[in-house]
Amino acid sequence: MTESLTAFELLLQIDQRCRLLAADLPSQPTRQDSWSGIGFRLGEHWYVAPMGEVSEVLHEPRVTQLPGVKPWVKGVANLRGRLLPIMDLHGFFYGYEPGHEMPALRKQRRILVVEHKDVFAGLMVDEVFGLQHFAQDSLEPVPADDLQGPMSAFVKGRFQREQKWQVFSPFALAQSQGFMNVAL
């Protein structure tokens, strides 16, 4: 190679060699057959909320209590200048009656922030297990005899692993009349 290349021509040659040797990226269909959500626990039950229905996960913030609200409304917190109502999901669904497990230790509890239409709320759960991935085709309907209790209207299927992960829809909860009725 006796002729001298300009810097630009040399860069073009390097670019062509790199493109020839580059590995292909995974194809789009490979990535689409995975279902992802935020895993959490309420009592002894494991749930997963679809990724698009939880905007963020927070440690339990300091709250200001509100008068004249139901006991499961813990109060409001300041989240970057916005008032975030904090709702205790365990208290909303089960109350704290005898026979139901008491909520988790404070250090394990987390807040799932939901923003849907006009609803901006924090859902307090007993524990969060982070991002969970499942094969899309492993989503199965929940048998009617398994769908009992107060959460049944918000469960949209389940995935099976070491335990059952029920698909819980925060958006469906945010649209329910019972959830929106917070006044005593």
C-alpha atoms as a PDB file:
ATOM      1  CA  MET A   1       0.000   0.000   0.000  1.00  0.00           C
ATOM      2  CA  THR A   2       2.162   2.795  -1.307  1.00  0.00           C
ATOM      3  CA  GLU A   3      -0.416   5.475  -1.750  1.00  0.00           C
ATOM      4  CA  SER A   4      -1.138   7.664   1.222  1.00  0.00           C
ATOM      5  CA  LEU A   5      -4.741   7.887   2.488  1.00  0.00           C
ATOM      6  CA  THR A   6      -6.338  10.976   3.875  1.00  0.00           C
ATOM      7  CA  ALA A   7      -7.588  10.818   7.427  1.00  0.00           C
ATOM      8  CA  PHE A   8     -11.171  10.700   6.179  1.00  0.00           C
ATOM      9  CA  GLU A   9     -10.480   7.803   3.777  1.00  0.00           C
ATOM     10  CA  LEU A  10      -8.743   5.897   6.577  1.00  0.00           C
ATOM     11  CA  LEU A  11     -11.770   6.375   8.847  1.00  0.00           C
ATOM     12  CA  LEU A  12     -14.063   5.095   6.073  1.00  0.00           C
ATOM     13  CA  GLN A  13     -11.950   1.929   5.721  1.00  0.00           C
ATOM     14  CA  ILE A  14     -12.011   1.342   9.488  1.00  0.00           C
ATOM     15  CA  ASP A  15     -15.787   1.853   9.490  1.00  0.00           C
ATOM     16  CA  GLN A  16     -16.270  -0.704   6.680  1.00  0.00           C
ATOM     17  CA  ARG A  17     -14.108  -3.297   8.462  1.00  0.00           C
ATOM     18  CA  CYS A  18     -15.976  -2.762  11.743  1.00  0.00           C
ATOM     19  CA  ARG A  19     -19.350  -3.201  10.052  1.00  0.00           C
ATOM     20  CA  LEU A  20     -18.197  -6.461   8.428  1.00  0.00           C
ATOM     21  CA  LEU A  21     -16.989  -7.885  11.737  1.00  0.00           C
ATOM     22  CA  ALA A  22     -19.791  -6.572  13.977  1.00  0.00           C
ATOM     23  CA  ALA A  23     -22.154  -9.066  15.582  1.00  0.00           C
ATOM     24  CA  ASP A  24     -25.847  -8.677  14.856  1.00  0.00           C
ATOM     25  CA  LEU A  25     -28.074  -7.214  17.529  1.00  0.00           C
ATOM     26  CA  PRO A  26     -30.891  -9.407  18.859  1.00  0.00           C
ATOM     27  CA  SER A  27     -33.886  -9.269  16.598  1.00  0.00           C
ATOM     28  CA  GLN A  28     -37.012  -7.477  17.769  1.00  0.00           C
ATOM     29  CA  PRO A  29     -39.257 -10.591  18.062  1.00  0.00           C
ATOM     30  CA  THR A  30     -36.796 -12.145  20.537  1.00  0.00           C
ATOM     31  CA  ARG A  31     -37.246  -9.241  22.915  1.00  0.00           C
ATOM     32  CA  GLN A  32     -41.037  -8.991  22.526  1.00  0.00           C
ATOM     33  CA  ASP A  33     -41.976 -12.375  23.940  1.00  0.00           C
ATOM     34  CA  SER A  34     -40.993 -11.297  27.433  1.00  0.00           C
ATOM     35  CA  TRP A  35     -43.487  -9.784  29.885  1.00  0.00           C
ATOM     36  CA  SER A  36     -42.058  -7.483  32.574  1.00  0.00           C
ATOM     37  CA  GLY A  37     -43.506  -6.051  35.748  1.00  0.00           C
ATOM     38  CA  ILE A  38     -42.758  -4.902  39.285  1.00  0.00           C
ATOM     39  CA  GLY A  39     -42.979  -7.771  41.767  1.00  0.00           C
ATOM     40  CA  PHE A  40     -44.391  -7.109  45.222  1.00  0.00           C
ATOM     41  CA  ARG A  41     -45.911  -8.858  48.216  1.00  0.00           C
ATOM     42  CA  LEU A  42     -49.057  -8.186  50.221  1.00  0.00           C
ATOM     43  CA  GLY A  43     -49.322 -10.506  53.184  1.00  0.00           C
ATOM     44  CA  GLU A  44     -48.545 -14.007  51.945  1.00  0.00           C
ATOM     45  CA  HIS A  45     -49.503 -13.298  48.330  1.00  0.00           C
ATOM     46  CA  TRP A  46     -47.114 -12.388  45.507  1.00  0.00           C
ATOM     47  CA  TYR A  47     -48.170  -9.966  42.797  1.00  0.00           C
ATOM     48  CA  VAL A  48     -46.664  -8.361  39.732  1.00  0.00           C
ATOM     49  CA  ALA A  49     -47.846  -5.032  38.321  1.00  0.00           C
ATOM     50  CA  PRO A  50     -47.328  -4.336  34.602  1.00  0.00           C
ATOM     51  CA  MET A  51     -44.340  -2.053  33.954  1.00  0.00           C
ATOM     52  CA  GLY A  52     -46.433   0.634  32.301  1.00  0.00           C
ATOM     53  CA  GLU A  53     -48.737   0.930  35.305  1.00  0.00           C
ATOM     54  CA  VAL A  54     -46.118   1.857  37.937  1.00  0.00           C
ATOM     55  CA  SER A  55     -44.235   5.100  37.353  1.00  0.00           C
ATOM     56  CA  GLU A  56     -41.731   4.624  40.204  1.00  0.00           C
ATOM     57  CA  VAL A  57     -40.984   2.768  43.429  1.00  0.00           C
ATOM     58  CA  LEU A  58     -40.169   4.726  46.599  1.00  0.00           C
ATOM     59  CA  HIS A  59     -39.089   4.034  50.140  1.00  0.00           C
ATOM     60  CA  GLU A  60     -41.861   4.899  52.559  1.00  0.00           C
ATOM     61  CA  PRO A  61     -41.830   8.712  52.783  1.00  0.00           C
ATOM     62  CA  ARG A  62     -42.720  10.914  55.726  1.00  0.00           C
ATOM     63  CA  VAL A  63     -46.451  11.643  55.503  1.00  0.00           C
ATOM     64  CA  THR A  64     -48.791  14.273  56.837  1.00  0.00           C
ATOM     65  CA  GLN A  65     -51.935  12.663  58.193  1.00  0.00           C
ATOM     66  CA  LEU A  66     -55.304  13.860  56.992  1.00  0.00           C
ATOM     67  CA  PRO A  67     -58.470  14.239  59.089  1.00  0.00           C
ATOM     68  CA  GLY A  68     -61.751  12.644  58.036  1.00  0.00           C
ATOM     69  CA  VAL A  69     -60.312   9.877  55.843  1.00  0.00           C
ATOM     70  CA  LYS A  70     -60.504   6.103  56.058  1.00  0.00           C
ATOM     71  CA  PRO A  71     -57.779   4.343  58.079  1.00  0.00           C
ATOM     72  CA  TRP A  72     -56.039   2.943  54.979  1.00  0.00           C
ATOM     73  CA  VAL A  73     -55.291   6.477  53.754  1.00  0.00           C
ATOM     74  CA  LYS A  74     -51.971   7.088  55.483  1.00  0.00           C
ATOM     75  CA  GLY A  75     -51.729  10.741  54.472  1.00  0.00           C
ATOM     76  CA  VAL A  76     -49.969  12.823  51.858  1.00  0.00           C
ATOM     77  CA  ALA A  77     -46.279  13.121  51.047  1.00  0.00           C
ATOM     78  CA  ASN A  78     -44.410  15.752  49.079  1.00  0.00           C
ATOM     79  CA  LEU A  79     -42.948  14.144  45.975  1.00  0.00           C
ATOM     80  CA  ARG A  80     -40.851  16.725  44.149  1.00  0.00           C
ATOM     81  CA  GLY A  81     -43.399  19.458  44.794  1.00  0.00           C
ATOM     82  CA  ARG A  82     -46.510  17.349  44.149  1.00  0.00           C
ATOM     83  CA  LEU A  83     -48.803  16.047  46.861  1.00  0.00           C
ATOM     84  CA  LEU A  84     -48.842  12.251  46.728  1.00  0.00           C
ATOM     85  CA  PRO A  85     -51.653  10.548  48.669  1.00  0.00           C
ATOM     86  CA  ILE A  86     -50.320   7.365  50.312  1.00  0.00           C
ATOM     87  CA  MET A  87     -52.764   4.433  50.402  1.00  0.00           C
ATOM     88  CA  ASP A  88     -52.022   1.281  52.403  1.00  0.00           C
ATOM     89  CA  LEU A  89     -53.074  -1.570  50.072  1.00  0.00           C
ATOM     90  CA  HIS A  90     -53.055  -4.146  52.867  1.00  0.00           C
ATOM     91  CA  GLY A  91     -55.403  -1.969  54.920  1.00  0.00           C
ATOM     92  CA  PHE A  92     -57.595  -1.195  51.900  1.00  0.00           C
ATOM     93  CA  PHE A  93     -58.122  -4.832  50.945  1.00  0.00           C
ATOM     94  CA  TYR A  94     -58.002  -6.644  54.270  1.00  0.00           C
ATOM     95  CA  GLY A  95     -58.192  -4.105  57.065  1.00  0.00           C
ATOM     96  CA  TYR A  96     -56.359  -5.145  60.204  1.00  0.00           C
ATOM     97  CA  GLU A  97     -58.866  -7.624  61.548  1.00  0.00           C
ATOM     98  CA  PRO A  98     -57.864 -10.737  63.498  1.00  0.00           C
ATOM     99  CA  GLY A  99     -56.959 -13.584  61.161  1.00  0.00           C
ATOM    100  CA  HIS A 100     -55.198 -11.374  58.639  1.00  0.00           C
ATOM    101  CA  GLU A 101     -51.433 -11.024  58.698  1.00  0.00           C
ATOM    102  CA  MET A 102     -50.126  -7.721  60.006  1.00  0.00           C
ATOM    103  CA  PRO A 103     -48.251  -5.601  57.509  1.00  0.00           C
ATOM    104  CA  ALA A 104     -44.513  -5.950  57.003  1.00  0.00           C
ATOM    105  CA  LEU A 105     -41.847  -4.160  58.947  1.00  0.00           C
ATOM    106  CA  ARG A 106     -41.504  -0.508  58.054  1.00  0.00           C
ATOM    107  CA  LYS A 107     -38.047  -0.974  56.497  1.00  0.00           C
ATOM    108  CA  GLN A 108     -39.443  -3.493  53.944  1.00  0.00           C
ATOM    109  CA  ARG A 109     -42.478  -1.475  52.869  1.00  0.00           C
ATOM    110  CA  ARG A 110     -42.365   0.407  49.591  1.00  0.00           C
ATOM    111  CA  ILE A 111     -44.616   2.772  47.678  1.00  0.00           C
ATOM    112  CA  LEU A 112     -45.669   2.042  44.093  1.00  0.00           C
ATOM    113  CA  VAL A 113     -46.465   5.368  42.440  1.00  0.00           C
ATOM    114  CA  VAL A 114     -49.401   5.206  40.044  1.00  0.00           C
ATOM    115  CA  GLU A 115     -50.363   7.976  37.651  1.00  0.00           C
ATOM    116  CA  HIS A 116     -53.419   7.184  35.558  1.00  0.00           C
ATOM    117  CA  LYS A 117     -55.835   9.721  34.097  1.00  0.00           C
ATOM    118  CA  ASP A 118     -56.667  12.055  37.025  1.00  0.00           C
ATOM    119  CA  VAL A 119     -55.322   9.724  39.714  1.00  0.00           C
ATOM    120  CA  PHE A 120     -51.877  10.268  41.250  1.00  0.00           C
ATOM    121  CA  ALA A 121     -51.388   7.989  44.248  1.00  0.00           C
ATOM    122  CA  GLY A 122     -48.825   5.979  46.152  1.00  0.00           C
ATOM    123  CA  LEU A 123     -49.741   2.368  46.929  1.00  0.00           C
ATOM    124  CA  MET A 124     -48.013   1.060  50.057  1.00  0.00           C
ATOM    125  CA  VAL A 125     -47.069  -2.617  49.738  1.00  0.00           C
ATOM    126  CA  ASP A 126     -45.380  -4.954  52.223  1.00  0.00           C
ATOM    127  CA  GLU A 127     -42.271  -5.599  50.109  1.00  0.00           C
ATOM    128  CA  VAL A 128     -41.016  -5.055  46.540  1.00  0.00           C
ATOM    129  CA  PHE A 129     -38.998  -7.666  44.625  1.00  0.00           C
ATOM    130  CA  GLY A 130     -37.940  -5.464  41.729  1.00  0.00           C
ATOM    131  CA  LEU A 131     -38.335  -6.100  38.053  1.00  0.00           C
ATOM    132  CA  GLN A 132     -39.685  -9.553  37.187  1.00  0.00           C
ATOM    133  CA  HIS A 133     -39.564 -11.063  33.695  1.00  0.00           C
ATOM    134  CA  PHE A 134     -41.795 -13.858  32.436  1.00  0.00           C
ATOM    135  CA  ALA A 135     -42.304 -15.540  29.093  1.00  0.00           C
ATOM    136  CA  GLN A 136     -45.333 -13.829  27.512  1.00  0.00           C
ATOM    137  CA  ASP A 137     -46.891 -17.171  26.549  1.00  0.00           C
ATOM    138  CA  SER A 138     -46.750 -18.386  30.181  1.00  0.00           C
ATOM    139  CA  LEU A 139     -49.464 -15.929  31.266  1.00  0.00           C
ATOM    140  CA  GLU A 140     -52.443 -18.002  32.309  1.00  0.00           C
ATOM    141  CA  PRO A 141     -55.940 -17.064  33.429  1.00  0.00           C
ATOM    142  CA  VAL A 142     -56.687 -17.414  37.124  1.00  0.00           C
ATOM    143  CA  PRO A 143     -59.223 -20.204  37.732  1.00  0.00           C
ATOM    144  CA  ALA A 144     -62.560 -18.883  39.030  1.00  0.00           C
ATOM    145  CA  ASP A 145     -62.252 -20.863  42.279  1.00  0.00           C
ATOM    146  CA  ASP A 146     -58.872 -19.161  42.935  1.00  0.00           C
ATOM    147  CA  LEU A 147     -60.333 -15.697  42.329  1.00  0.00           C
ATOM    148  CA  GLN A 148     -61.817 -14.936  45.709  1.00  0.00           C
ATOM    149  CA  GLY A 149     -61.415 -12.086  48.077  1.00  0.00           C
ATOM    150  CA  PRO A 150     -61.212  -8.349  47.693  1.00  0.00           C
ATOM    151  CA  MET A 151     -58.364  -8.290  45.165  1.00  0.00           C
ATOM    152  CA  SER A 152     -60.059 -10.545  42.616  1.00  0.00           C
ATOM    153  CA  ALA A 153     -61.449  -7.635  40.554  1.00  0.00           C
ATOM    154  CA  PHE A 154     -57.916  -6.325  40.003  1.00  0.00           C
ATOM    155  CA  VAL A 155     -56.144  -9.592  39.140  1.00  0.00           C
ATOM    156  CA  LYS A 156     -55.718 -10.051  35.370  1.00  0.00           C
ATOM    157  CA  GLY A 157     -53.951 -13.432  35.213  1.00  0.00           C
ATOM    158  CA  ARG A 158     -50.935 -15.133  36.731  1.00  0.00           C
ATOM    159  CA  PHE A 159     -47.483 -16.520  36.092  1.00  0.00           C
ATOM    160  CA  GLN A 160     -46.186 -19.649  37.796  1.00  0.00           C
ATOM    161  CA  ARG A 161     -42.673 -20.011  39.208  1.00  0.00           C
ATOM    162  CA  GLU A 162     -41.604 -21.137  42.682  1.00  0.00           C
ATOM    163  CA  GLN A 163     -44.803 -19.347  43.736  1.00  0.00           C
ATOM    164  CA  LYS A 164     -47.796 -17.917  41.904  1.00  0.00           C
ATOM    165  CA  TRP A 165     -47.315 -14.337  40.712  1.00  0.00           C
ATOM    166  CA  GLN A 166     -50.752 -12.808  40.206  1.00  0.00           C
ATOM    167  CA  VAL A 167     -50.912  -9.938  37.708  1.00  0.00           C
ATOM    168  CA  PHE A 168     -52.348  -6.968  39.618  1.00  0.00           C
ATOM    169  CA  SER A 169     -53.552  -3.889  37.726  1.00  0.00           C
ATOM    170  CA  PRO A 170     -52.982  -0.592  39.576  1.00  0.00           C
ATOM    171  CA  PHE A 171     -54.840   1.190  36.754  1.00  0.00           C
ATOM    172  CA  ALA A 172     -57.962  -0.911  37.402  1.00  0.00           C
ATOM    173  CA  LEU A 173     -57.678  -0.106  41.115  1.00  0.00           C
ATOM    174  CA  ALA A 174     -57.310   3.619  40.377  1.00  0.00           C
ATOM    175  CA  GLN A 175     -60.584   3.536  38.428  1.00  0.00           C
ATOM    176  CA  SER A 176     -62.573   1.679  41.116  1.00  0.00           C
ATOM    177  CA  GLN A 177     -65.170   3.607  43.079  1.00  0.00           C
ATOM    178  CA  GLY A 178     -64.189   1.995  46.399  1.00  0.00           C
ATOM    179  CA  PHE A 179     -60.603   3.172  46.045  1.00  0.00           C
ATOM    180  CA  MET A 180     -61.639   6.710  45.145  1.00  0.00           C
ATOM    181  CA  ASN A 181     -64.042   6.955  48.118  1.00  0.00           C
ATOM    182  CA  VAL A 182     -61.556   7.941  50.847  1.00  0.00           C
ATOM    183  CA  ALA A 183     -63.777  10.113  53.086  1.00  0.00           C
ATOM    184  CA  LEU A 184     -65.264   8.713  56.283  1.00  0.00           C
END
